[in-house]
ModelCIF file with pLDDT and N, C-alpha, C, O atoms, coordinates in Angstrom:
data_MODEL
#
_entry.id   MODEL 
#
_entity.id                         1 
_entity.type                       polymer 
_entity.pdbx_number_of_molecules   1 
#
_entity_poly.entity_id                      1 
_entity_poly.type                           'polypeptide(L)' 
_entity_poly.nstd_linkage                   no 
_entity_poly.nstd_monomer                   no 
_entity_poly.pdbx_seq_one_letter_code       RGQVSVPEGTAATIQKVMLYFIPLSVLFSGL 
_entity_poly.pdbx_seq_one_letter_code_can   RGQVSVPEGTAATIQKVMLYFIPLSVLFSGL 
_entity_poly.pdbx_strand_id                 A 
#
loop_
_entity_poly_seq.entity_id 
_entity_poly_seq.num 
_entity_poly_seq.mon_id 
_entity_poly_seq.hetero 
1 1  ARG n 
1 2  GLY n 
1 3  GLN n 
1 4  VAL n 
1 5  SER n 
1 6  VAL n 
1 7  PRO n 
1 8  GLU n 
1 9  GLY n 
1 10 THR n 
1 11 ALA n 
1 12 ALA n 
1 13 THR n 
1 14 ILE n 
1 15 GLN n 
1 16 LYS n 
1 17 VAL n 
1 18 MET n 
1 19 LEU n 
1 20 TYR n 
1 21 PHE n 
1 22 ILE n 
1 23 PRO n 
1 24 LEU n 
1 25 SER n 
1 26 VAL n 
1 27 LEU n 
1 28 PHE n 
1 29 SER n 
1 30 GLY n 
1 31 LEU n 
#
_struct_asym.id          A 
_struct_asym.entity_id   1 
#
loop_
_ma_qa_metric.id 
_ma_qa_metric.mode 
_ma_qa_metric.name 
_ma_qa_metric.software_group_id 
_ma_qa_metric.type 
1 global pLDDT . pLDDT 
2 local  pLDDT . pLDDT 
#
_ma_qa_metric_global.metric_id      1 
_ma_qa_metric_global.metric_value   74.06 
_ma_qa_metric_global.model_id       1 
_ma_qa_metric_global.ordinal_id     1 
#
loop_
_ma_qa_metric_local.label_asym_id 
_ma_qa_metric_local.label_comp_id 
_ma_qa_metric_local.label_seq_id 
_ma_qa_metric_local.metric_id 
_ma_qa_metric_local.metric_value 
_ma_qa_metric_local.model_id 
_ma_qa_metric_local.ordinal_id 
A ARG 1  2 79.00 1 1  
A GLY 2  2 67.00 1 2  
A GLN 3  2 65.00 1 3  
A VAL 4  2 59.00 1 4  
A SER 5  2 60.00 1 5  
A VAL 6  2 62.00 1 6  
A PRO 7  2 60.00 1 7  
A GLU 8  2 61.00 1 8  
A GLY 9  2 62.00 1 9  
A THR 10 2 68.00 1 10 
A ALA 11 2 62.00 1 11 
A ALA 12 2 69.00 1 12 
A THR 13 2 77.00 1 13 
A ILE 14 2 75.00 1 14 
A GLN 15 2 71.00 1 15 
A LYS 16 2 77.00 1 16 
A VAL 17 2 77.00 1 17 
A MET 18 2 78.00 1 18 
A LEU 19 2 79.00 1 19 
A TYR 20 2 81.00 1 20 
A PHE 21 2 84.00 1 21 
A ILE 22 2 83.00 1 22 
A PRO 23 2 84.00 1 23 
A LEU 24 2 87.00 1 24 
A SER 25 2 84.00 1 25 
A VAL 26 2 83.00 1 26 
A LEU 27 2 85.00 1 27 
A PHE 28 2 84.00 1 28 
A SER 29 2 78.00 1 29 
A GLY 30 2 78.00 1 30 
A LEU 31 2 77.00 1 31 
#
loop_
_atom_site.group_PDB 
_atom_site.id 
_atom_site.type_symbol 
_atom_site.label_atom_id 
_atom_site.label_alt_id 
_atom_site.label_comp_id 
_atom_site.label_asym_id 
_atom_site.label_entity_id 
_atom_site.label_seq_id 
_atom_site.pdbx_PDB_ins_code 
_atom_site.Cartn_x 
_atom_site.Cartn_y 
_atom_site.Cartn_z 
_atom_site.occupancy 
_atom_site.B_iso_or_equiv 
_atom_site.pdbx_formal_charge 
_atom_site.auth_seq_id 
_atom_site.auth_comp_id 
_atom_site.auth_asym_id 
_atom_site.auth_atom_id 
_atom_site.pdbx_PDB_model_num 
ATOM 1   N N  . ARG A 1 1  ? 0.613  -1.158  0.388   1.00 79.00 ? 1  ARG A N  1 
ATOM 2   C CA . ARG A 1 1  ? -0.348 0.023   0.381   1.00 79.00 ? 1  ARG A CA 1 
ATOM 3   C C  . ARG A 1 1  ? 0.764  1.335   -0.031  1.00 79.00 ? 1  ARG A C  1 
ATOM 4   O O  . ARG A 1 1  ? 0.540  2.167   -0.910  1.00 79.00 ? 1  ARG A O  1 
ATOM 5   N N  . GLY A 1 2  ? 1.906  1.285   0.774   1.00 67.00 ? 2  GLY A N  1 
ATOM 6   C CA . GLY A 1 2  ? 2.857  2.373   0.391   1.00 67.00 ? 2  GLY A CA 1 
ATOM 7   C C  . GLY A 1 2  ? 3.883  2.838   -0.319  1.00 67.00 ? 2  GLY A C  1 
ATOM 8   O O  . GLY A 1 2  ? 4.712  3.719   -0.096  1.00 67.00 ? 2  GLY A O  1 
ATOM 9   N N  . GLN A 1 3  ? 3.603  1.725   -1.680  1.00 65.00 ? 3  GLN A N  1 
ATOM 10  C CA . GLN A 1 3  ? 4.503  1.796   -2.630  1.00 65.00 ? 3  GLN A CA 1 
ATOM 11  C C  . GLN A 1 3  ? 3.973  3.082   -3.740  1.00 65.00 ? 3  GLN A C  1 
ATOM 12  O O  . GLN A 1 3  ? 2.838  3.514   -3.937  1.00 65.00 ? 3  GLN A O  1 
ATOM 13  N N  . VAL A 1 4  ? 5.240  3.459   -4.325  1.00 59.00 ? 4  VAL A N  1 
ATOM 14  C CA . VAL A 1 4  ? 4.753  4.743   -4.803  1.00 59.00 ? 4  VAL A CA 1 
ATOM 15  C C  . VAL A 1 4  ? 4.574  4.267   -6.382  1.00 59.00 ? 4  VAL A C  1 
ATOM 16  O O  . VAL A 1 4  ? 4.304  5.160   -7.185  1.00 59.00 ? 4  VAL A O  1 
ATOM 17  N N  . SER A 1 5  ? 4.688  3.127   -6.791  1.00 60.00 ? 5  SER A N  1 
ATOM 18  C CA . SER A 1 5  ? 4.643  3.001   -8.287  1.00 60.00 ? 5  SER A CA 1 
ATOM 19  C C  . SER A 1 5  ? 3.789  1.111   -8.219  1.00 60.00 ? 5  SER A C  1 
ATOM 20  O O  . SER A 1 5  ? 4.052  0.385   -7.261  1.00 60.00 ? 5  SER A O  1 
ATOM 21  N N  . VAL A 1 6  ? 3.022  0.720   -9.134  1.00 62.00 ? 6  VAL A N  1 
ATOM 22  C CA . VAL A 1 6  ? 2.789  -0.351  -9.080  1.00 62.00 ? 6  VAL A CA 1 
ATOM 23  C C  . VAL A 1 6  ? 3.491  -1.038  -9.878  1.00 62.00 ? 6  VAL A C  1 
ATOM 24  O O  . VAL A 1 6  ? 3.361  -0.921  -11.097 1.00 62.00 ? 6  VAL A O  1 
ATOM 25  N N  . PRO A 1 7  ? 4.618  -2.124  -9.145  1.00 60.00 ? 7  PRO A N  1 
ATOM 26  C CA . PRO A 1 7  ? 5.485  -2.910  -10.469 1.00 60.00 ? 7  PRO A CA 1 
ATOM 27  C C  . PRO A 1 7  ? 4.530  -3.879  -11.424 1.00 60.00 ? 7  PRO A C  1 
ATOM 28  O O  . PRO A 1 7  ? 3.415  -4.322  -11.147 1.00 60.00 ? 7  PRO A O  1 
ATOM 29  N N  . GLU A 1 8  ? 5.299  -4.069  -12.620 1.00 61.00 ? 8  GLU A N  1 
ATOM 30  C CA . GLU A 1 8  ? 4.595  -4.785  -13.510 1.00 61.00 ? 8  GLU A CA 1 
ATOM 31  C C  . GLU A 1 8  ? 5.742  -5.853  -13.932 1.00 61.00 ? 8  GLU A C  1 
ATOM 32  O O  . GLU A 1 8  ? 6.853  -5.901  -13.405 1.00 61.00 ? 8  GLU A O  1 
ATOM 33  N N  . GLY A 1 9  ? 5.362  -6.557  -14.795 1.00 62.00 ? 9  GLY A N  1 
ATOM 34  C CA . GLY A 1 9  ? 6.095  -8.046  -15.114 1.00 62.00 ? 9  GLY A CA 1 
ATOM 35  C C  . GLY A 1 9  ? 6.711  -8.491  -14.379 1.00 62.00 ? 9  GLY A C  1 
ATOM 36  O O  . GLY A 1 9  ? 5.816  -8.618  -13.544 1.00 62.00 ? 9  GLY A O  1 
ATOM 37  N N  . THR A 1 10 ? 7.863  -9.029  -13.731 1.00 68.00 ? 10 THR A N  1 
ATOM 38  C CA . THR A 1 10 ? 8.832  -9.612  -13.107 1.00 68.00 ? 10 THR A CA 1 
ATOM 39  C C  . THR A 1 10 ? 8.648  -9.282  -12.034 1.00 68.00 ? 10 THR A C  1 
ATOM 40  O O  . THR A 1 10 ? 8.321  -10.118 -11.192 1.00 68.00 ? 10 THR A O  1 
ATOM 41  N N  . ALA A 1 11 ? 8.832  -7.666  -11.649 1.00 62.00 ? 11 ALA A N  1 
ATOM 42  C CA . ALA A 1 11 ? 8.764  -7.255  -10.445 1.00 62.00 ? 11 ALA A CA 1 
ATOM 43  C C  . ALA A 1 11 ? 7.288  -7.799  -9.656  1.00 62.00 ? 11 ALA A C  1 
ATOM 44  O O  . ALA A 1 11 ? 7.392  -8.093  -8.465  1.00 62.00 ? 11 ALA A O  1 
ATOM 45  N N  . ALA A 1 12 ? 6.478  -7.877  -10.054 1.00 69.00 ? 12 ALA A N  1 
ATOM 46  C CA . ALA A 1 12 ? 4.869  -7.937  -9.753  1.00 69.00 ? 12 ALA A CA 1 
ATOM 47  C C  . ALA A 1 12 ? 4.969  -9.570  -9.008  1.00 69.00 ? 12 ALA A C  1 
ATOM 48  O O  . ALA A 1 12 ? 4.740  -10.004 -7.879  1.00 69.00 ? 12 ALA A O  1 
ATOM 49  N N  . THR A 1 13 ? 5.402  -10.123 -10.206 1.00 77.00 ? 13 THR A N  1 
ATOM 50  C CA . THR A 1 13 ? 5.307  -11.721 -9.667  1.00 77.00 ? 13 THR A CA 1 
ATOM 51  C C  . THR A 1 13 ? 5.877  -12.073 -8.639  1.00 77.00 ? 13 THR A C  1 
ATOM 52  O O  . THR A 1 13 ? 5.309  -12.962 -8.004  1.00 77.00 ? 13 THR A O  1 
ATOM 53  N N  . ILE A 1 14 ? 7.351  -11.458 -8.020  1.00 75.00 ? 14 ILE A N  1 
ATOM 54  C CA . ILE A 1 14 ? 8.614  -11.406 -7.607  1.00 75.00 ? 14 ILE A CA 1 
ATOM 55  C C  . ILE A 1 14 ? 7.714  -10.809 -6.001  1.00 75.00 ? 14 ILE A C  1 
ATOM 56  O O  . ILE A 1 14 ? 7.911  -11.314 -4.895  1.00 75.00 ? 14 ILE A O  1 
ATOM 57  N N  . GLN A 1 15 ? 6.976  -9.927  -6.215  1.00 71.00 ? 15 GLN A N  1 
ATOM 58  C CA . GLN A 1 15 ? 6.367  -9.457  -4.956  1.00 71.00 ? 15 GLN A CA 1 
ATOM 59  C C  . GLN A 1 15 ? 5.298  -10.275 -4.416  1.00 71.00 ? 15 GLN A C  1 
ATOM 60  O O  . GLN A 1 15 ? 5.261  -10.550 -3.217  1.00 71.00 ? 15 GLN A O  1 
ATOM 61  N N  . LYS A 1 16 ? 4.019  -10.865 -5.630  1.00 77.00 ? 16 LYS A N  1 
ATOM 62  C CA . LYS A 1 16 ? 3.224  -11.604 -5.194  1.00 77.00 ? 16 LYS A CA 1 
ATOM 63  C C  . LYS A 1 16 ? 3.710  -13.123 -4.750  1.00 77.00 ? 16 LYS A C  1 
ATOM 64  O O  . LYS A 1 16 ? 2.970  -13.888 -4.130  1.00 77.00 ? 16 LYS A O  1 
ATOM 65  N N  . VAL A 1 17 ? 4.908  -13.413 -5.110  1.00 77.00 ? 17 VAL A N  1 
ATOM 66  C CA . VAL A 1 17 ? 5.474  -14.953 -4.306  1.00 77.00 ? 17 VAL A CA 1 
ATOM 67  C C  . VAL A 1 17 ? 6.027  -14.592 -3.089  1.00 77.00 ? 17 VAL A C  1 
ATOM 68  O O  . VAL A 1 17 ? 5.867  -15.207 -2.034  1.00 77.00 ? 17 VAL A O  1 
ATOM 69  N N  . MET A 1 18 ? 6.705  -13.546 -3.258  1.00 78.00 ? 18 MET A N  1 
ATOM 70  C CA . MET A 1 18 ? 7.004  -12.911 -1.402  1.00 78.00 ? 18 MET A CA 1 
ATOM 71  C C  . MET A 1 18 ? 5.981  -12.865 -0.621  1.00 78.00 ? 18 MET A C  1 
ATOM 72  O O  . MET A 1 18 ? 6.005  -13.485 0.442   1.00 78.00 ? 18 MET A O  1 
ATOM 73  N N  . LEU A 1 19 ? 5.031  -12.217 -0.952  1.00 79.00 ? 19 LEU A N  1 
ATOM 74  C CA . LEU A 1 19 ? 3.929  -12.233 0.114   1.00 79.00 ? 19 LEU A CA 1 
ATOM 75  C C  . LEU A 1 19 ? 3.236  -13.223 0.913   1.00 79.00 ? 19 LEU A C  1 
ATOM 76  O O  . LEU A 1 19 ? 2.477  -13.088 1.873   1.00 79.00 ? 19 LEU A O  1 
ATOM 77  N N  . TYR A 1 20 ? 3.728  -14.405 0.213   1.00 81.00 ? 20 TYR A N  1 
ATOM 78  C CA . TYR A 1 20 ? 3.147  -15.692 0.932   1.00 81.00 ? 20 TYR A CA 1 
ATOM 79  C C  . TYR A 1 20 ? 4.312  -16.411 1.238   1.00 81.00 ? 20 TYR A C  1 
ATOM 80  O O  . TYR A 1 20 ? 4.278  -17.071 2.277   1.00 81.00 ? 20 TYR A O  1 
ATOM 81  N N  . PHE A 1 21 ? 5.460  -16.431 0.481   1.00 84.00 ? 21 PHE A N  1 
ATOM 82  C CA . PHE A 1 21 ? 6.280  -17.019 0.761   1.00 84.00 ? 21 PHE A CA 1 
ATOM 83  C C  . PHE A 1 21 ? 7.034  -16.638 2.284   1.00 84.00 ? 21 PHE A C  1 
ATOM 84  O O  . PHE A 1 21 ? 7.190  -17.578 3.063   1.00 84.00 ? 21 PHE A O  1 
ATOM 85  N N  . ILE A 1 22 ? 7.437  -15.438 2.646   1.00 83.00 ? 22 ILE A N  1 
ATOM 86  C CA . ILE A 1 22 ? 7.599  -15.061 3.772   1.00 83.00 ? 22 ILE A CA 1 
ATOM 87  C C  . ILE A 1 22 ? 7.075  -15.599 5.033   1.00 83.00 ? 22 ILE A C  1 
ATOM 88  O O  . ILE A 1 22 ? 7.756  -16.240 5.834   1.00 83.00 ? 22 ILE A O  1 
ATOM 89  N N  . PRO A 1 23 ? 5.679  -15.274 5.188   1.00 84.00 ? 23 PRO A N  1 
ATOM 90  C CA . PRO A 1 23 ? 4.632  -15.819 5.991   1.00 84.00 ? 23 PRO A CA 1 
ATOM 91  C C  . PRO A 1 23 ? 5.145  -17.352 6.306   1.00 84.00 ? 23 PRO A C  1 
ATOM 92  O O  . PRO A 1 23 ? 5.597  -17.777 7.369   1.00 84.00 ? 23 PRO A O  1 
ATOM 93  N N  . LEU A 1 24 ? 4.909  -18.167 4.878   1.00 87.00 ? 24 LEU A N  1 
ATOM 94  C CA . LEU A 1 24 ? 5.570  -19.653 4.708   1.00 87.00 ? 24 LEU A CA 1 
ATOM 95  C C  . LEU A 1 24 ? 6.178  -20.071 5.448   1.00 87.00 ? 24 LEU A C  1 
ATOM 96  O O  . LEU A 1 24 ? 5.985  -21.110 6.079   1.00 87.00 ? 24 LEU A O  1 
ATOM 97  N N  . SER A 1 25 ? 7.279  -19.134 5.536   1.00 84.00 ? 25 SER A N  1 
ATOM 98  C CA . SER A 1 25 ? 8.773  -19.369 6.154   1.00 84.00 ? 25 SER A CA 1 
ATOM 99  C C  . SER A 1 25 ? 8.711  -19.420 7.585   1.00 84.00 ? 25 SER A C  1 
ATOM 100 O O  . SER A 1 25 ? 9.087  -20.398 8.231   1.00 84.00 ? 25 SER A O  1 
ATOM 101 N N  . VAL A 1 26 ? 8.293  -18.495 8.026   1.00 83.00 ? 26 VAL A N  1 
ATOM 102 C CA . VAL A 1 26 ? 7.956  -18.105 9.644   1.00 83.00 ? 26 VAL A CA 1 
ATOM 103 C C  . VAL A 1 26 ? 7.108  -19.130 10.185  1.00 83.00 ? 26 VAL A C  1 
ATOM 104 O O  . VAL A 1 26 ? 6.887  -19.122 11.396  1.00 83.00 ? 26 VAL A O  1 
ATOM 105 N N  . LEU A 1 27 ? 6.575  -20.061 9.405   1.00 85.00 ? 27 LEU A N  1 
ATOM 106 C CA . LEU A 1 27 ? 5.636  -21.118 10.226  1.00 85.00 ? 27 LEU A CA 1 
ATOM 107 C C  . LEU A 1 27 ? 6.872  -22.162 10.018  1.00 85.00 ? 27 LEU A C  1 
ATOM 108 O O  . LEU A 1 27 ? 7.327  -22.706 11.024  1.00 85.00 ? 27 LEU A O  1 
ATOM 109 N N  . PHE A 1 28 ? 7.249  -22.360 9.149   1.00 84.00 ? 28 PHE A N  1 
ATOM 110 C CA . PHE A 1 28 ? 8.411  -23.619 9.342   1.00 84.00 ? 28 PHE A CA 1 
ATOM 111 C C  . PHE A 1 28 ? 9.415  -23.200 10.115  1.00 84.00 ? 28 PHE A C  1 
ATOM 112 O O  . PHE A 1 28 ? 10.045 -24.080 10.702  1.00 84.00 ? 28 PHE A O  1 
ATOM 113 N N  . SER A 1 29 ? 9.813  -21.794 10.309  1.00 78.00 ? 29 SER A N  1 
ATOM 114 C CA . SER A 1 29 ? 10.875 -21.680 11.506  1.00 78.00 ? 29 SER A CA 1 
ATOM 115 C C  . SER A 1 29 ? 10.392 -22.090 12.875  1.00 78.00 ? 29 SER A C  1 
ATOM 116 O O  . SER A 1 29 ? 11.145 -22.240 13.837  1.00 78.00 ? 29 SER A O  1 
ATOM 117 N N  . GLY A 1 30 ? 9.160  -22.250 12.898  1.00 78.00 ? 30 GLY A N  1 
ATOM 118 C CA . GLY A 1 30 ? 8.633  -23.172 14.137  1.00 78.00 ? 30 GLY A CA 1 
ATOM 119 C C  . GLY A 1 30 ? 8.776  -24.360 14.598  1.00 78.00 ? 30 GLY A C  1 
ATOM 120 O O  . GLY A 1 30 ? 8.370  -24.782 15.680  1.00 78.00 ? 30 GLY A O  1 
ATOM 121 N N  . LEU A 1 31 ? 9.677  -25.234 13.331  1.00 77.00 ? 31 LEU A N  1 
ATOM 122 C CA . LEU A 1 31 ? 10.164 -26.840 13.659  1.00 77.00 ? 31 LEU A CA 1 
ATOM 123 C C  . LEU A 1 31 ? 11.433 -26.746 14.097  1.00 77.00 ? 31 LEU A C  1 
ATOM 124 O O  . LEU A 1 31 ? 12.053 -27.761 14.414  1.00 77.00 ? 31 LEU A O  1 
#
């Protein structure tokens, strides 16, 4: 929400993957 511009192409794909990958890595750290 605080971004100054909307990413496109590869940057948008990476951002979407990181949106779910980082929380999942936190869940994995519990083990």
